[in-house]
């Protein structure tokens, strides 16, 4: 600070003005000093005079170098301060680093053209562990900043990349999920050339586990708007995900579905819910197995029978009606070929898959009873977390004739081989265990649970009915040769506009359960039944 002295001037350069004032130059600023009685008094000080006039070559080069050095040094705030719009520049420079995943490797200024400085950019695009070089030319213009005249960069998004217009930005789009290699339950790779049905499963695993399993997605760096691709990285080495698939069971399933058109099959272990095989033929066969939404026909009678047994509306060896046809809610329902059972029991009706044995009970249950039974005991419609996307079935609340149709697996009831394999597994064990293709401890998932187990007495009766169906009922032909702990249910589902119904079959043999559907296959015992039984026989 300049020192003022009595009766003289400040130490430093002085210029005397007029009217009793003294102008003192202090570092380029003028301090105005008033002459008063007895001494000097400092009355005001102006800001440094702003720089004006045309930019010199040194100012242009210096401003450009300071901006580029800060940007290349990874300091977006300092680089932004070297512009005339620090807020907008800072935001854009941070996005360049964080959102666009770009890191400048070398920024080289070329010979200035007046106030404009061309420069080249050598950068690196890094995403998901992959990298790609990025090279382009850009340019900046140096201007005097308003207020102080300091040479700074005239901020425009195009400084970062000339394809960015005003309001432009970068965006990164993944071009595909990280790939995975699926492993079987022992940790061995599952070759899709041997197990082609698993291709949709592997795609689902990639979507759910690609990154966490160590895979790397492909990605593109684009301008927005405009969508011009600036750089891309390909998919990297696949991650590895262990599944519950049993290679031996899967091999048998692949072999059997390949012999049949439009067939879909799921095999699981009732004691755990682990899926051992998923197979399908025709377009979307494997998708149908896990995500299909088809009416299940008479296989639905497993759920309906459990409800009637719990409510004491039926018992295996108690007399039960099975007329040729029965009406409810204005509709008339028929048995296949209009058969009837005179003086029969619920066991004989269930084993023969008599539709009217169920329709005659429709007026004795509440409209929401079947929906609640499916959800509360069998887990249908709950949020299943299987490791890949699956459809967990739907049994909506129906009224009048539609309620009766739901009891025999028509109407708006929707299932797939996965859900029906689960249903017959619950029928065998008495307790729902959510199916899964990836063990929950792999990613600490919580599996869905049912609200309650099947009533113990009703469970024993239902299991007995399914055993009768497998040994002497509509499923006996298919299940021939399988002995011991077995049970099965056939089903046929009519489809509007389709000449032949979809054929369904679900069965268990020991701690192995399977379900299949063949579209347009006809009766389930003659179409899907041999498929399911062949797979069950192949497993020792």
Protein backbone atom coordinates (compact mmCIF):
# COMPACT_ATOMS: atom_id res chain seq x y z
CA UNK A 1 0.00 0.00 0.00
CA UNK A 2 1.31 3.55 -0.79
CA UNK A 3 2.19 5.63 2.21
CA UNK A 4 0.85 9.18 2.55
CA UNK A 5 2.92 11.81 4.27
CA UNK A 6 2.05 15.17 5.80
CA UNK A 7 2.72 18.07 3.51
CA UNK A 8 3.93 15.96 0.65
CA UNK A 9 2.82 13.16 -1.70
CA UNK A 10 2.72 9.44 -1.51
CA UNK A 11 5.76 7.35 -2.01
CA UNK A 12 5.51 6.27 -5.72
CA UNK A 13 4.74 7.91 -9.05
CA UNK A 14 2.67 11.03 -8.76
CA UNK A 15 0.73 13.17 -11.12
CA UNK A 16 -0.69 16.46 -9.85
CA UNK A 17 -4.16 17.37 -10.93
CA UNK A 18 -6.24 20.58 -10.34
CA UNK A 19 -8.66 21.86 -7.67
CA UNK A 20 -6.70 20.74 -4.60
CA UNK A 21 -6.73 17.01 -5.47
CA UNK A 22 -3.84 14.74 -5.97
CA UNK A 23 -3.94 11.71 -8.31
CA UNK A 24 -1.77 8.84 -7.17
CA UNK A 25 -1.04 5.85 -9.41
CA UNK A 26 -1.10 2.65 -7.40
CA UNK A 27 -0.61 -0.46 -9.46
CA UNK A 28 -2.51 1.04 -12.37
CA UNK A 29 -5.40 2.36 -10.22
CA UNK A 30 -5.97 5.98 -9.34
CA UNK A 31 -6.48 6.89 -5.68
CA UNK A 32 -8.12 10.29 -5.16
CA UNK A 33 -6.74 12.15 -2.15
CA UNK A 34 -8.43 15.30 -0.78
CA UNK A 35 -6.35 18.07 0.75
CA UNK A 36 -7.86 19.02 4.07
CA UNK A 37 -6.86 20.94 7.16
CA UNK A 38 -4.08 19.23 9.00
CA UNK A 39 -3.30 16.42 6.57
CA UNK A 40 -4.28 14.07 3.84
CA UNK A 41 -7.38 11.84 3.59
CA UNK A 42 -7.95 8.90 1.19
CA UNK A 43 -11.43 9.40 -0.22
CA UNK A 44 -11.89 6.79 -3.06
CA UNK A 45 -10.20 4.14 -5.21
CA UNK A 46 -11.28 2.99 -8.68
CA UNK A 47 -11.02 -0.63 -9.99
CA UNK A 48 -8.14 -1.40 -12.33
CA UNK A 49 -8.85 -0.02 -15.74
CA UNK A 50 -10.33 -2.76 -17.97
CA UNK A 51 -8.22 -3.97 -20.80
CA UNK A 52 -9.41 -2.71 -24.12
CA UNK A 53 -8.39 -2.68 -27.70
CA UNK A 54 -7.62 -5.45 -30.14
CA UNK A 55 -6.26 -8.72 -28.74
CA UNK A 56 -2.56 -9.22 -29.19
CA UNK A 57 -1.19 -12.47 -30.55
CA UNK A 58 0.30 -13.19 -27.12
CA UNK A 59 -3.05 -12.68 -25.42
CA UNK A 60 -4.80 -15.02 -27.86
CA UNK A 61 -2.22 -17.74 -27.49
CA UNK A 62 -2.01 -17.36 -23.74
CA UNK A 63 -5.77 -17.57 -23.23
CA UNK A 64 -6.01 -20.64 -25.46
CA UNK A 65 -3.09 -22.37 -23.72
CA UNK A 66 -4.48 -21.73 -20.24
CA UNK A 67 -7.87 -23.20 -21.22
CA UNK A 68 -6.46 -26.24 -23.01
CA UNK A 69 -3.93 -26.97 -20.26
CA UNK A 70 -6.63 -26.98 -17.58
CA UNK A 71 -8.94 -29.15 -19.69
CA UNK A 72 -6.19 -31.64 -20.53
CA UNK A 73 -5.16 -31.67 -16.88
CA UNK A 74 -8.58 -32.93 -15.81
CA UNK A 75 -9.61 -29.73 -14.03
CA UNK A 76 -12.95 -28.67 -15.56
CA UNK A 77 -13.52 -25.90 -13.00
CA UNK A 78 -10.21 -24.21 -13.76
CA UNK A 79 -10.79 -24.60 -17.50
CA UNK A 80 -14.29 -23.15 -17.15
CA UNK A 81 -12.85 -20.11 -15.37
CA UNK A 82 -10.86 -19.44 -18.54
CA UNK A 83 -14.09 -18.85 -20.48
CA UNK A 84 -16.67 -16.08 -20.62
CA UNK A 85 -19.41 -18.39 -19.22
CA UNK A 86 -17.90 -20.39 -16.38
CA UNK A 87 -21.18 -21.98 -15.30
CA UNK A 88 -22.17 -23.38 -18.71
CA UNK A 89 -18.60 -24.35 -19.55
CA UNK A 90 -18.11 -26.13 -16.23
CA UNK A 91 -21.26 -28.15 -16.67
CA UNK A 92 -20.31 -29.15 -20.21
CA UNK A 93 -16.72 -30.04 -19.28
CA UNK A 94 -17.91 -32.21 -16.40
CA UNK A 95 -20.36 -33.97 -18.71
CA UNK A 96 -17.53 -34.57 -21.16
CA UNK A 97 -15.69 -36.43 -18.41
CA UNK A 98 -18.53 -38.05 -16.44
CA UNK A 99 -21.46 -38.56 -18.83
CA UNK A 100 -19.57 -39.00 -22.11
CA UNK A 101 -16.79 -41.01 -20.43
CA UNK A 102 -14.19 -39.08 -22.41
CA UNK A 103 -10.71 -38.30 -21.18
CA UNK A 104 -8.49 -35.99 -23.24
CA UNK A 105 -5.11 -37.54 -23.92
CA UNK A 106 -3.57 -34.72 -25.92
CA UNK A 107 -4.88 -31.29 -26.90
CA UNK A 108 -2.64 -29.53 -29.40
CA UNK A 109 -3.11 -25.89 -30.32
CA UNK A 110 -2.23 -24.90 -33.86
CA UNK A 111 -1.26 -21.52 -35.29
CA UNK A 112 -3.89 -18.91 -34.35
CA UNK A 113 -5.94 -17.33 -37.11
CA UNK A 114 -6.53 -13.94 -35.60
CA UNK A 115 -8.59 -14.52 -32.46
CA UNK A 116 -9.46 -18.10 -33.45
CA UNK A 117 -7.21 -20.96 -32.37
CA UNK A 118 -7.64 -24.33 -34.13
CA UNK A 119 -6.65 -27.35 -32.05
CA UNK A 120 -6.65 -31.13 -32.35
CA UNK A 121 -8.10 -33.53 -29.81
CA UNK A 122 -6.84 -37.00 -29.02
CA UNK A 123 -9.11 -38.54 -26.37
CA UNK A 124 -10.12 -41.89 -24.96
CA UNK A 125 -13.71 -43.18 -24.68
CA UNK A 126 -13.92 -45.64 -21.79
CA UNK A 127 -17.07 -47.58 -20.93
CA UNK A 128 -17.66 -50.74 -18.96
CA UNK A 129 -14.01 -51.71 -19.07
CA UNK A 130 -13.64 -51.19 -22.83
CA UNK A 131 -11.84 -48.29 -24.48
CA UNK A 132 -11.76 -46.70 -27.90
CA UNK A 133 -9.62 -43.83 -29.25
CA UNK A 134 -11.36 -40.63 -30.34
CA UNK A 135 -9.70 -38.07 -32.61
CA UNK A 136 -11.10 -34.89 -34.12
CA UNK A 137 -10.30 -31.26 -34.85
CA UNK A 138 -11.96 -28.33 -33.15
CA UNK A 139 -11.34 -24.68 -32.50
CA UNK A 140 -11.94 -21.85 -30.05
CA UNK A 141 -12.20 -18.11 -30.24
CA UNK A 142 -10.64 -15.74 -27.72
CA UNK A 143 -12.55 -12.63 -26.66
CA UNK A 144 -12.21 -10.00 -23.98
CA UNK A 145 -14.33 -10.79 -20.96
CA UNK A 146 -16.95 -8.21 -20.11
CA UNK A 147 -15.98 -6.15 -17.11
CA UNK A 148 -12.22 -6.63 -16.90
CA UNK A 149 -11.28 -7.19 -20.53
CA UNK A 150 -9.34 -10.36 -19.64
CA UNK A 151 -8.65 -12.56 -22.68
CA UNK A 152 -10.82 -15.71 -22.31
CA UNK A 153 -12.40 -18.38 -24.49
CA UNK A 154 -15.75 -17.51 -26.04
CA UNK A 155 -17.77 -20.45 -24.71
CA UNK A 156 -19.77 -22.60 -27.14
CA UNK A 157 -20.56 -26.37 -26.85
CA UNK A 158 -18.85 -26.77 -30.22
CA UNK A 159 -15.51 -26.03 -28.53
CA UNK A 160 -15.69 -29.52 -27.00
CA UNK A 161 -16.78 -31.17 -30.23
CA UNK A 162 -17.66 -29.27 -33.41
CA UNK A 163 -20.69 -31.50 -34.06
CA UNK A 164 -22.34 -30.15 -30.93
CA UNK A 165 -24.54 -27.17 -31.70
CA UNK A 166 -25.98 -24.79 -29.16
CA UNK A 167 -27.79 -26.87 -26.57
CA UNK A 168 -26.08 -30.02 -27.81
CA UNK A 169 -24.81 -32.76 -25.53
CA UNK A 170 -23.19 -36.16 -25.54
CA UNK A 171 -25.03 -39.39 -24.81
CA UNK A 172 -23.89 -42.97 -24.42
CA UNK A 173 -26.11 -45.78 -25.66
CA UNK A 174 -25.50 -49.42 -24.95
CA UNK A 175 -25.65 -51.41 -28.17
CA UNK A 176 -26.30 -54.67 -26.36
CA UNK A 177 -26.13 -56.17 -22.90
CA UNK A 178 -22.99 -57.67 -21.52
CA UNK A 179 -22.71 -61.25 -22.68
CA UNK A 180 -22.66 -64.21 -20.34
CA UNK A 181 -21.70 -67.84 -20.55
CA UNK A 182 -24.27 -69.98 -18.75
CA UNK A 183 -22.94 -72.76 -16.55
CA UNK A 184 -24.87 -75.82 -15.45
CA UNK A 185 -25.50 -76.63 -11.81
CA UNK A 186 -22.03 -78.24 -11.52
CA UNK A 187 -20.23 -75.21 -13.00
CA UNK A 188 -19.66 -76.62 -16.49
CA UNK A 189 -20.38 -74.46 -19.56
CA UNK A 190 -23.67 -75.02 -21.37
CA UNK A 191 -22.90 -75.00 -25.10
CA UNK A 192 -25.78 -73.49 -27.06
CA UNK A 193 -24.88 -75.67 -30.03
CA UNK A 194 -25.78 -78.66 -27.90
CA UNK A 195 -28.61 -76.94 -26.01
CA UNK A 196 -30.20 -74.51 -28.52
CA UNK A 197 -33.37 -74.15 -26.44
CA UNK A 198 -31.37 -72.29 -23.81
CA UNK A 199 -30.57 -69.34 -26.10
CA UNK A 200 -33.48 -67.20 -24.76
CA UNK A 201 -32.47 -68.17 -21.22
CA UNK A 202 -28.90 -67.01 -21.82
CA UNK A 203 -30.21 -63.74 -23.27
CA UNK A 204 -32.23 -63.25 -20.10
CA UNK A 205 -29.21 -64.01 -17.94
CA UNK A 206 -27.22 -61.42 -19.88
CA UNK A 207 -29.85 -58.77 -19.18
CA UNK A 208 -29.99 -59.61 -15.50
CA UNK A 209 -26.41 -60.56 -14.67
CA UNK A 210 -24.17 -59.43 -17.51
CA UNK A 211 -22.39 -56.67 -15.61
CA UNK A 212 -22.34 -58.27 -12.18
CA UNK A 213 -20.99 -61.49 -13.67
CA UNK A 214 -18.05 -59.65 -15.23
CA UNK A 215 -19.37 -59.15 -18.76
CA UNK A 216 -19.07 -55.89 -20.66
CA UNK A 217 -21.80 -54.33 -22.79
CA UNK A 218 -21.15 -52.72 -26.14
CA UNK A 219 -21.67 -48.96 -26.23
CA UNK A 220 -21.67 -45.99 -28.60
CA UNK A 221 -20.86 -42.36 -27.88
CA UNK A 222 -23.25 -40.13 -29.81
CA UNK A 223 -24.11 -36.47 -30.21
CA UNK A 224 -27.59 -35.37 -29.25
CA UNK A 225 -29.58 -34.28 -31.00
CA UNK A 226 -28.38 -35.74 -34.27
CA UNK A 227 -27.25 -39.15 -33.14
CA UNK A 228 -23.86 -39.01 -34.86
CA UNK A 229 -21.61 -41.79 -33.60
CA UNK A 230 -18.26 -40.50 -32.36
CA UNK A 231 -16.86 -43.72 -30.89
CA UNK A 232 -17.91 -47.23 -29.95
CA UNK A 233 -16.68 -50.12 -27.90
CA UNK A 234 -17.72 -53.70 -28.73
CA UNK A 235 -19.08 -56.20 -26.27
CA UNK A 236 -16.30 -57.59 -24.15
CA UNK A 237 -15.55 -61.06 -22.85
CA UNK A 238 -18.66 -62.70 -21.39
CA UNK A 239 -19.32 -63.08 -17.70
CA UNK A 240 -20.15 -66.47 -16.19
CA UNK A 241 -23.42 -67.32 -14.46
CA UNK A 242 -24.11 -70.63 -12.76
CA UNK A 243 -27.66 -71.89 -13.30
CA UNK A 244 -29.69 -74.77 -11.88
CA UNK A 245 -29.82 -76.52 -15.27
CA UNK A 246 -28.90 -80.22 -15.18
CA UNK A 247 -27.04 -81.02 -18.40
CA UNK A 248 -28.33 -84.60 -18.49
CA UNK A 249 -31.97 -83.60 -18.04
CA UNK A 250 -31.56 -80.74 -20.52
CA UNK A 251 -30.09 -83.11 -23.09
CA UNK A 252 -33.08 -85.42 -22.76
CA UNK A 253 -35.49 -82.50 -23.00
CA UNK A 254 -33.77 -81.17 -26.15
CA UNK A 255 -33.94 -84.59 -27.75
CA UNK A 256 -37.64 -85.08 -27.06
CA UNK A 257 -38.91 -81.62 -28.07
CA UNK A 258 -36.95 -81.86 -31.33
CA UNK A 259 -39.18 -84.79 -32.29
CA UNK A 260 -42.38 -82.77 -31.85
CA UNK A 261 -43.66 -79.54 -33.41
CA UNK A 262 -44.54 -76.52 -31.27
CA UNK A 263 -43.63 -78.21 -28.01
CA UNK A 264 -42.50 -76.47 -24.79
CA UNK A 265 -41.29 -78.20 -21.64
CA UNK A 266 -39.99 -77.37 -18.16
CA UNK A 267 -38.51 -79.81 -15.64
CA UNK A 268 -37.95 -78.86 -12.00
CA UNK A 269 -37.25 -80.36 -8.61
CA UNK A 270 -40.34 -80.18 -6.35
CA UNK A 271 -38.35 -80.23 -3.10
CA UNK A 272 -36.47 -77.02 -3.96
CA UNK A 273 -38.04 -75.33 -7.01
CA UNK A 274 -34.76 -75.55 -8.96
CA UNK A 275 -35.39 -75.66 -12.72
CA UNK A 276 -33.45 -78.52 -14.28
CA UNK A 277 -34.41 -78.10 -17.94
CA UNK A 278 -36.16 -75.67 -20.30
CA UNK A 279 -36.75 -76.74 -23.89
CA UNK A 280 -38.89 -75.84 -26.86
CA UNK A 281 -39.32 -76.49 -30.56
CA UNK A 282 -40.70 -74.22 -33.23
CA UNK A 283 -40.74 -70.45 -33.10
CA UNK A 284 -40.59 -69.25 -29.51
CA UNK A 285 -40.86 -72.68 -27.93
CA UNK A 286 -38.51 -71.85 -25.07
CA UNK A 287 -40.16 -68.48 -24.53
CA UNK A 288 -43.52 -70.24 -24.25
CA UNK A 289 -42.06 -72.55 -21.62
CA UNK A 290 -41.21 -69.67 -19.28
CA UNK A 291 -43.28 -66.71 -20.42
CA UNK A 292 -46.19 -68.19 -22.35
CA UNK A 293 -49.74 -67.05 -21.56
CA UNK A 294 -51.99 -69.91 -22.57
CA UNK A 295 -55.16 -71.39 -21.16
CA UNK A 296 -54.04 -74.59 -19.33
CA UNK A 297 -57.19 -76.61 -19.87
CA UNK A 298 -57.83 -79.47 -17.47
CA UNK A 299 -54.42 -79.28 -15.79
CA UNK A 300 -56.04 -76.35 -13.94
CA UNK A 301 -58.27 -78.92 -12.24
CA UNK A 302 -55.39 -79.61 -9.82
CA UNK A 303 -55.96 -76.18 -8.28
CA UNK A 304 -59.75 -76.40 -8.51
CA UNK A 305 -59.76 -79.87 -6.94
CA UNK A 306 -57.63 -78.63 -4.04
CA UNK A 307 -60.23 -75.94 -3.39
CA UNK A 308 -63.15 -78.39 -3.49
CA UNK A 309 -61.30 -80.80 -1.21
CA UNK A 310 -60.47 -78.10 1.33
CA UNK A 311 -64.09 -76.90 1.35
CA UNK A 312 -65.38 -80.48 1.70
CA UNK A 313 -67.33 -80.11 -1.53
CA UNK A 314 -65.67 -83.28 -2.78
CA UNK A 315 -63.82 -86.32 -1.45
CA UNK A 316 -62.01 -88.96 -3.50
CA UNK A 317 -64.36 -91.85 -2.86
CA UNK A 318 -67.58 -89.99 -2.22
CA UNK A 319 -70.26 -90.03 -4.94
CA UNK A 320 -69.89 -87.11 -7.31
CA UNK A 321 -71.90 -86.13 -10.41
CA UNK A 322 -70.40 -86.33 -13.89
CA UNK A 323 -73.24 -85.74 -16.38
CA UNK A 324 -72.71 -85.36 -20.14
CA UNK A 325 -73.24 -81.62 -19.87
CA UNK A 326 -73.90 -78.99 -17.20
CA UNK A 327 -75.06 -75.38 -17.39
CA UNK A 328 -73.98 -72.40 -15.35
CA UNK A 329 -74.30 -68.66 -15.91
CA UNK A 330 -76.09 -69.15 -19.21
CA UNK A 331 -73.46 -71.41 -20.76
CA UNK A 332 -73.64 -75.15 -21.29
CA UNK A 333 -70.42 -77.07 -20.76
CA UNK A 334 -69.74 -80.52 -22.23
CA UNK A 335 -67.35 -83.38 -21.58
CA UNK A 336 -65.11 -84.62 -24.40
CA UNK A 337 -67.28 -86.77 -26.67
CA UNK A 338 -70.18 -86.09 -24.25
CA UNK A 339 -69.16 -88.94 -21.96
CA UNK A 340 -70.70 -89.31 -18.52
CA UNK A 341 -70.03 -91.40 -15.42
CA UNK A 342 -73.16 -92.81 -13.85
CA UNK A 343 -72.88 -93.43 -10.12
CA UNK A 344 -69.25 -92.40 -10.07
CA UNK A 345 -67.02 -90.85 -7.42
CA UNK A 346 -64.87 -87.74 -7.45
CA UNK A 347 -61.87 -90.06 -7.96
CA UNK A 348 -63.34 -91.52 -11.13
CA UNK A 349 -64.36 -88.07 -12.38
CA UNK A 350 -60.93 -86.57 -11.71
CA UNK A 351 -59.08 -89.51 -13.28
CA UNK A 352 -61.22 -89.25 -16.41
CA UNK A 353 -60.92 -85.42 -16.46
CA UNK A 354 -64.68 -84.90 -16.31
CA UNK A 355 -65.49 -81.23 -16.90
CA UNK A 356 -69.02 -81.32 -15.55
CA UNK A 357 -67.86 -82.71 -12.20
CA UNK A 358 -66.37 -79.25 -11.63
CA UNK A 359 -69.00 -77.11 -13.38
CA UNK A 360 -71.71 -78.54 -11.11
CA UNK A 361 -69.85 -77.07 -8.11
CA UNK A 362 -69.49 -73.54 -9.51
CA UNK A 363 -72.47 -72.15 -7.63
CA UNK A 364 -71.07 -73.38 -4.29
CA UNK A 365 -67.89 -71.29 -4.30
CA UNK A 366 -67.39 -67.52 -4.11
CA UNK A 367 -66.40 -65.67 -7.25
CA UNK A 368 -62.91 -64.93 -5.88
CA UNK A 369 -62.34 -68.34 -4.26
CA UNK A 370 -60.41 -69.91 -7.16
CA UNK A 371 -58.22 -66.82 -7.62
CA UNK A 372 -57.34 -66.78 -3.91
CA UNK A 373 -56.62 -70.53 -3.87
CA UNK A 374 -54.25 -70.20 -6.84
CA UNK A 375 -52.37 -67.31 -5.23
CA UNK A 376 -52.45 -68.25 -1.54
CA UNK A 377 -51.54 -71.94 -1.89
CA UNK A 378 -49.87 -72.31 -5.31
CA UNK A 379 -48.11 -68.92 -5.59
CA UNK A 380 -49.76 -68.14 -8.94
CA UNK A 381 -49.61 -64.45 -9.80
CA UNK A 382 -47.02 -63.63 -7.14
CA UNK A 383 -43.80 -61.81 -8.08
CA UNK A 384 -41.48 -64.68 -8.95
CA UNK A 385 -37.77 -63.86 -8.95
CA UNK A 386 -36.39 -66.73 -11.02
CA UNK A 387 -33.13 -65.22 -12.30
CA UNK A 388 -34.70 -64.54 -15.72
CA UNK A 389 -38.01 -62.98 -16.66
CA UNK A 390 -40.91 -65.42 -16.27
CA UNK A 391 -44.69 -65.21 -16.26
CA UNK A 392 -46.04 -66.50 -12.95
CA UNK A 393 -49.54 -67.22 -14.22
CA UNK A 394 -52.88 -65.48 -13.81
CA UNK A 395 -56.19 -66.62 -12.37
CA UNK A 396 -58.35 -63.49 -12.34
CA UNK A 397 -61.59 -63.19 -10.41
CA UNK A 398 -64.43 -64.20 -12.76
CA UNK A 399 -68.20 -64.20 -12.52
CA UNK A 400 -71.08 -66.34 -13.77
CA UNK A 401 -70.17 -68.49 -16.78
CA UNK A 402 -66.61 -67.17 -16.90
CA UNK A 403 -66.07 -68.38 -13.33
CA UNK A 404 -67.18 -71.87 -14.35
CA UNK A 405 -64.86 -71.78 -17.37
CA UNK A 406 -61.94 -70.83 -15.13
CA UNK A 407 -62.54 -73.94 -12.99
CA UNK A 408 -61.61 -76.13 -15.95
CA UNK A 409 -58.72 -73.96 -17.17
CA UNK A 410 -60.51 -71.96 -19.84
CA UNK A 411 -61.76 -68.36 -19.78
CA UNK A 412 -59.09 -65.86 -18.73
CA UNK A 413 -56.83 -68.30 -16.85
CA UNK A 414 -53.29 -68.11 -18.26
CA UNK A 415 -50.38 -70.45 -17.57
CA UNK A 416 -47.23 -71.93 -19.12
CA UNK A 417 -45.18 -75.11 -18.59
CA UNK A 418 -43.18 -73.44 -15.80
CA UNK A 419 -46.27 -72.55 -13.78
CA UNK A 420 -47.91 -75.94 -14.32
CA UNK A 421 -44.71 -77.78 -13.37
CA UNK A 422 -44.81 -75.69 -10.20
CA UNK A 423 -48.49 -76.49 -9.60
CA UNK A 424 -47.96 -80.25 -9.77
CA UNK A 425 -44.86 -79.87 -7.58
CA UNK A 426 -46.97 -78.13 -4.95
CA UNK A 427 -49.56 -80.88 -5.31
CA UNK A 428 -46.84 -83.44 -4.58
CA UNK A 429 -45.20 -81.68 -1.61
CA UNK A 430 -48.12 -79.68 -0.22
CA UNK A 431 -46.11 -76.47 -0.13
CA UNK A 432 -45.25 -73.94 -2.86
CA UNK A 433 -41.57 -73.49 -3.59
CA UNK A 434 -40.90 -70.78 -6.16
CA UNK A 435 -39.15 -72.09 -9.30
CA UNK A 436 -35.78 -70.51 -10.14
CA UNK A 437 -33.01 -70.86 -12.74
CA UNK A 438 -30.38 -69.01 -10.71
CA UNK A 439 -29.97 -69.87 -7.04
CA UNK A 440 -31.04 -66.98 -4.81
CA UNK A 441 -27.71 -66.92 -2.96
CA UNK A 442 -25.97 -65.85 -6.18
CA UNK A 443 -27.38 -62.33 -5.88
CA UNK A 444 -29.18 -62.44 -2.51
CA UNK A 445 -32.64 -62.49 -4.07
CA UNK A 446 -35.71 -63.21 -2.00
CA UNK A 447 -37.94 -65.85 -3.53
CA UNK A 448 -41.71 -65.54 -3.54
CA UNK A 449 -43.68 -67.49 -0.96
CA UNK A 450 -47.29 -68.58 -0.78
CA UNK A 451 -49.53 -67.38 2.03
CA UNK A 452 -50.09 -70.89 3.37
CA UNK A 453 -49.51 -74.58 2.62
CA UNK A 454 -52.23 -76.82 1.28
CA UNK A 455 -54.39 -78.26 4.05
CA UNK A 456 -52.80 -81.57 5.13
CA UNK A 457 -55.91 -83.69 4.58
CA UNK A 458 -56.64 -82.05 1.19
CA UNK A 459 -52.99 -82.51 0.21
CA UNK A 460 -53.09 -86.24 0.89
CA UNK A 461 -56.33 -86.56 -1.09
CA UNK A 462 -55.07 -84.52 -4.06
CA UNK A 463 -51.83 -86.47 -4.22
CA UNK A 464 -53.85 -89.69 -4.15
CA UNK A 465 -56.07 -88.48 -7.00
CA UNK A 466 -53.07 -87.59 -9.14
CA UNK A 467 -51.50 -90.98 -8.47
CA UNK A 468 -54.73 -92.67 -9.61
CA UNK A 469 -54.78 -90.54 -12.78
CA UNK A 470 -51.19 -91.62 -13.54
CA UNK A 471 -51.78 -95.31 -12.94
CA UNK A 472 -55.32 -95.94 -14.16
CA UNK A 473 -56.76 -92.67 -15.46
CA UNK A 474 -56.31 -90.43 -18.49
CA UNK A 475 -52.52 -90.23 -17.97
CA UNK A 476 -51.90 -93.96 -17.55
CA UNK A 477 -50.96 -94.60 -21.17
CA UNK A 478 -48.22 -92.00 -21.14
CA UNK A 479 -46.93 -92.92 -17.67
CA UNK A 480 -46.64 -96.63 -18.41
CA UNK A 481 -43.30 -97.95 -17.25
CA UNK A 482 -42.92 -95.38 -14.48
CA UNK A 483 -43.59 -96.82 -11.06
CA UNK A 484 -43.41 -95.86 -7.42
CA UNK A 485 -43.99 -92.24 -6.44
CA UNK A 486 -45.80 -90.88 -9.51
CA UNK A 487 -48.70 -88.57 -10.28
CA UNK A 488 -50.02 -86.86 -13.41
CA UNK A 489 -52.76 -84.74 -14.96
CA UNK A 490 -53.81 -84.33 -18.57
CA UNK A 491 -55.35 -81.29 -20.19
CA UNK A 492 -56.70 -79.96 -23.46
CA UNK A 493 -57.41 -76.27 -24.01
CA UNK A 494 -59.71 -75.06 -26.75
CA UNK A 495 -58.50 -72.02 -28.68
CA UNK A 496 -60.82 -69.90 -30.82
CA UNK A 497 -59.91 -70.23 -34.49
CA UNK A 498 -57.74 -73.28 -33.87
CA UNK A 499 -58.93 -76.67 -35.16
CA UNK A 500 -57.07 -78.78 -32.62
CA UNK A 501 -56.78 -77.84 -28.94
CA UNK A 502 -53.48 -77.26 -27.18
CA UNK A 503 -52.40 -80.43 -25.44
CA UNK A 504 -51.14 -80.17 -21.83
CA UNK A 505 -49.56 -82.66 -19.45
CA UNK A 506 -48.00 -82.37 -15.99
CA UNK A 507 -46.45 -85.18 -13.97
CA UNK A 508 -43.98 -86.10 -11.26
CA UNK A 509 -41.76 -89.09 -10.67
CA UNK A 510 -40.06 -88.98 -7.30
CA UNK A 511 -38.38 -85.62 -6.79
CA UNK A 512 -38.72 -84.68 -10.44
CA UNK A 513 -41.66 -82.82 -11.98
CA UNK A 514 -42.33 -81.72 -15.54
CA UNK A 515 -44.99 -80.02 -17.59
CA UNK A 516 -45.37 -79.53 -21.32
CA UNK A 517 -47.74 -78.01 -23.85
CA UNK A 518 -47.99 -78.78 -27.54
CA UNK A 519 -49.87 -76.15 -29.51
CA UNK A 520 -52.51 -77.71 -31.76
CA UNK A 521 -51.39 -81.06 -30.36
CA UNK A 522 -54.84 -82.38 -29.50
CA UNK A 523 -55.52 -84.26 -26.29
CA UNK A 524 -52.78 -83.84 -23.73
CA UNK A 525 -52.48 -87.53 -22.89
CA UNK A 526 -51.67 -88.29 -26.51
CA UNK A 527 -49.46 -85.29 -27.34
CA UNK A 528 -47.58 -83.75 -24.42
CA UNK A 529 -47.94 -86.85 -22.23
CA UNK A 530 -45.41 -89.00 -24.12
CA UNK A 531 -43.01 -86.03 -24.18
CA UNK A 532 -43.10 -85.52 -20.42
CA UNK A 533 -42.95 -89.24 -19.65
CA UNK A 534 -39.98 -89.79 -21.97
CA UNK A 535 -37.98 -87.11 -20.15
CA UNK A 536 -38.93 -88.49 -16.73
CA UNK A 537 -37.90 -92.00 -17.81
CA UNK A 538 -34.52 -90.79 -19.06
CA UNK A 539 -33.45 -89.54 -15.64
CA UNK A 540 -32.03 -92.15 -13.35
